[in-house]
Amino acid sequence: MRVTDFRMVFTKYDGSRHWHETLELLGEDQHGLWIGASSGSVIQRGDEPPITLPQRTSS
């Protein structure tokens, strides 16, 4: 991970892993840090296989 990457991990009530992913720093302003995931980023639920986020298309 780069220094500008953030690991976000959601857990269930019992403490088991739920969704987890690595997000990137988009910027910072007076409201705080802005983080996000771009197309092609990988997200995973618990121990299930990773999911690659699809490419966004404009409509």
N, C-alpha and C. Protein backbone atom coordinates (compact mmCIF):
# COMPACT_ATOMS: atom_id res chain seq x y z
N MET A 1 0.84 -1.18 0.00
CA MET A 1 0.00 0.00 0.00
C MET A 1 0.88 1.24 0.00
N ARG A 2 0.43 2.26 -0.70
CA ARG A 2 1.09 3.56 -0.66
C ARG A 2 0.70 4.29 0.62
N VAL A 3 1.43 5.34 0.94
CA VAL A 3 1.11 6.16 2.12
C VAL A 3 -0.26 6.81 1.94
N THR A 4 -0.68 7.03 0.70
CA THR A 4 -1.97 7.68 0.45
C THR A 4 -3.12 6.68 0.35
N ASP A 5 -2.87 5.41 0.67
CA ASP A 5 -3.93 4.39 0.68
C ASP A 5 -4.49 4.24 2.09
N PHE A 6 -5.78 3.93 2.15
CA PHE A 6 -6.46 3.71 3.42
C PHE A 6 -7.14 2.36 3.36
N ARG A 7 -7.04 1.58 4.41
CA ARG A 7 -7.70 0.29 4.48
C ARG A 7 -8.98 0.48 5.27
N MET A 8 -10.14 0.20 4.64
CA MET A 8 -11.43 0.32 5.32
C MET A 8 -11.96 -1.09 5.57
N VAL A 9 -12.27 -1.37 6.83
CA VAL A 9 -12.76 -2.70 7.20
C VAL A 9 -14.04 -2.53 8.02
N PHE A 10 -15.12 -3.10 7.50
CA PHE A 10 -16.38 -3.12 8.23
C PHE A 10 -16.51 -4.48 8.90
N THR A 11 -16.99 -4.49 10.13
CA THR A 11 -17.21 -5.76 10.83
C THR A 11 -18.67 -5.90 11.20
N LYS A 12 -19.08 -7.14 11.39
CA LYS A 12 -20.44 -7.43 11.83
C LYS A 12 -20.51 -7.26 13.34
N TYR A 13 -21.70 -7.36 13.89
CA TYR A 13 -21.92 -7.15 15.33
C TYR A 13 -21.04 -8.07 16.17
N ASP A 14 -20.82 -9.31 15.68
CA ASP A 14 -20.02 -10.27 16.45
C ASP A 14 -18.51 -10.08 16.25
N GLY A 15 -18.12 -9.07 15.46
CA GLY A 15 -16.72 -8.78 15.24
C GLY A 15 -16.12 -9.47 14.02
N SER A 16 -16.90 -10.31 13.34
CA SER A 16 -16.38 -10.98 12.14
C SER A 16 -16.30 -9.99 10.99
N ARG A 17 -15.39 -10.28 10.06
CA ARG A 17 -15.18 -9.39 8.92
C ARG A 17 -16.40 -9.33 8.03
N HIS A 18 -16.67 -8.13 7.54
CA HIS A 18 -17.73 -7.95 6.55
C HIS A 18 -17.03 -7.37 5.32
N TRP A 19 -17.44 -6.24 4.81
CA TRP A 19 -16.78 -5.66 3.64
C TRP A 19 -15.44 -5.05 4.04
N HIS A 20 -14.43 -5.22 3.16
CA HIS A 20 -13.14 -4.58 3.38
C HIS A 20 -12.51 -4.26 2.03
N GLU A 21 -11.84 -3.12 1.99
CA GLU A 21 -11.24 -2.65 0.74
C GLU A 21 -10.16 -1.62 1.03
N THR A 22 -9.35 -1.34 0.04
CA THR A 22 -8.34 -0.29 0.12
C THR A 22 -8.83 0.89 -0.71
N LEU A 23 -8.84 2.06 -0.11
CA LEU A 23 -9.30 3.29 -0.77
C LEU A 23 -8.12 4.22 -0.95
N GLU A 24 -8.24 5.14 -1.88
CA GLU A 24 -7.15 6.07 -2.13
C GLU A 24 -7.52 7.49 -1.70
N LEU A 25 -6.51 8.25 -1.33
CA LEU A 25 -6.70 9.63 -0.93
C LEU A 25 -7.03 10.47 -2.16
N LEU A 26 -8.17 11.15 -2.12
CA LEU A 26 -8.58 12.02 -3.22
C LEU A 26 -8.17 13.47 -2.97
N GLY A 27 -8.14 13.84 -1.70
CA GLY A 27 -7.76 15.21 -1.37
C GLY A 27 -8.10 15.51 0.07
N GLU A 28 -7.85 16.73 0.45
CA GLU A 28 -8.11 17.19 1.81
C GLU A 28 -8.52 18.65 1.76
N ASP A 29 -9.52 19.01 2.56
CA ASP A 29 -9.92 20.41 2.66
C ASP A 29 -10.37 20.70 4.08
N GLN A 30 -11.05 21.80 4.28
CA GLN A 30 -11.45 22.20 5.63
C GLN A 30 -12.43 21.22 6.27
N HIS A 31 -13.05 20.33 5.48
CA HIS A 31 -13.99 19.35 6.01
C HIS A 31 -13.32 18.03 6.38
N GLY A 32 -12.09 17.84 5.95
CA GLY A 32 -11.36 16.62 6.28
C GLY A 32 -10.78 15.94 5.06
N LEU A 33 -10.52 14.65 5.20
CA LEU A 33 -9.95 13.86 4.11
C LEU A 33 -11.06 13.30 3.23
N TRP A 34 -10.80 13.25 1.92
CA TRP A 34 -11.73 12.67 0.96
C TRP A 34 -11.05 11.42 0.40
N ILE A 35 -11.72 10.28 0.55
CA ILE A 35 -11.18 9.02 0.05
C ILE A 35 -12.20 8.37 -0.88
N GLY A 36 -11.74 7.51 -1.77
CA GLY A 36 -12.65 6.86 -2.69
C GLY A 36 -11.99 5.68 -3.39
N ALA A 37 -12.80 4.97 -4.16
CA ALA A 37 -12.32 3.82 -4.93
C ALA A 37 -12.61 4.07 -6.40
N SER A 38 -11.64 3.81 -7.23
CA SER A 38 -11.82 4.01 -8.67
C SER A 38 -12.25 2.71 -9.34
N SER A 39 -12.69 2.81 -10.58
CA SER A 39 -13.04 1.63 -11.35
C SER A 39 -11.84 0.68 -11.36
N GLY A 40 -12.12 -0.59 -11.23
CA GLY A 40 -11.05 -1.58 -11.20
C GLY A 40 -10.52 -1.86 -9.81
N SER A 41 -11.00 -1.11 -8.80
CA SER A 41 -10.59 -1.38 -7.43
C SER A 41 -11.21 -2.70 -6.96
N VAL A 42 -10.58 -3.30 -5.98
CA VAL A 42 -11.05 -4.60 -5.48
C VAL A 42 -11.67 -4.42 -4.11
N ILE A 43 -12.84 -5.03 -3.92
CA ILE A 43 -13.55 -5.03 -2.64
C ILE A 43 -13.83 -6.49 -2.31
N GLN A 44 -13.91 -6.79 -1.03
CA GLN A 44 -14.12 -8.18 -0.63
C GLN A 44 -15.06 -8.23 0.56
N ARG A 45 -15.93 -9.25 0.58
CA ARG A 45 -16.85 -9.45 1.70
C ARG A 45 -16.38 -10.66 2.48
N GLY A 46 -15.99 -10.43 3.72
CA GLY A 46 -15.52 -11.52 4.57
C GLY A 46 -14.38 -12.27 3.91
N ASP A 47 -14.51 -13.60 3.86
CA ASP A 47 -13.49 -14.44 3.23
C ASP A 47 -13.90 -14.87 1.83
N GLU A 48 -14.95 -14.24 1.28
CA GLU A 48 -15.40 -14.57 -0.08
C GLU A 48 -14.36 -14.09 -1.09
N PRO A 49 -14.45 -14.59 -2.33
CA PRO A 49 -13.51 -14.13 -3.36
C PRO A 49 -13.65 -12.61 -3.59
N PRO A 50 -12.55 -11.95 -3.92
CA PRO A 50 -12.59 -10.50 -4.18
C PRO A 50 -13.46 -10.17 -5.39
N ILE A 51 -14.03 -8.97 -5.39
CA ILE A 51 -14.86 -8.45 -6.48
C ILE A 51 -14.17 -7.21 -7.03
N THR A 52 -14.00 -7.17 -8.34
CA THR A 52 -13.42 -5.98 -8.99
C THR A 52 -14.56 -5.05 -9.37
N LEU A 53 -14.47 -3.79 -8.94
CA LEU A 53 -15.50 -2.82 -9.24
C LEU A 53 -15.54 -2.56 -10.75
N PRO A 54 -16.74 -2.53 -11.33
CA PRO A 54 -16.84 -2.34 -12.78
C PRO A 54 -16.49 -0.91 -13.22
N GLN A 55 -16.19 -0.81 -14.48
CA GLN A 55 -15.94 0.51 -15.10
C GLN A 55 -17.24 1.28 -15.14
N ARG A 56 -17.24 2.51 -14.73
CA ARG A 56 -18.45 3.35 -14.82
C ARG A 56 -18.56 3.91 -16.23
N THR A 57 -19.78 3.93 -16.73
CA THR A 57 -20.02 4.51 -18.04
C THR A 57 -21.06 5.62 -17.89
N SER A 58 -20.95 6.64 -18.69
CA SER A 58 -21.94 7.72 -18.63
C SER A 58 -23.15 7.32 -19.45
N SER A 59 -24.32 7.77 -19.02
CA SER A 59 -25.55 7.40 -19.73
C SER A 59 -26.04 8.53 -20.59
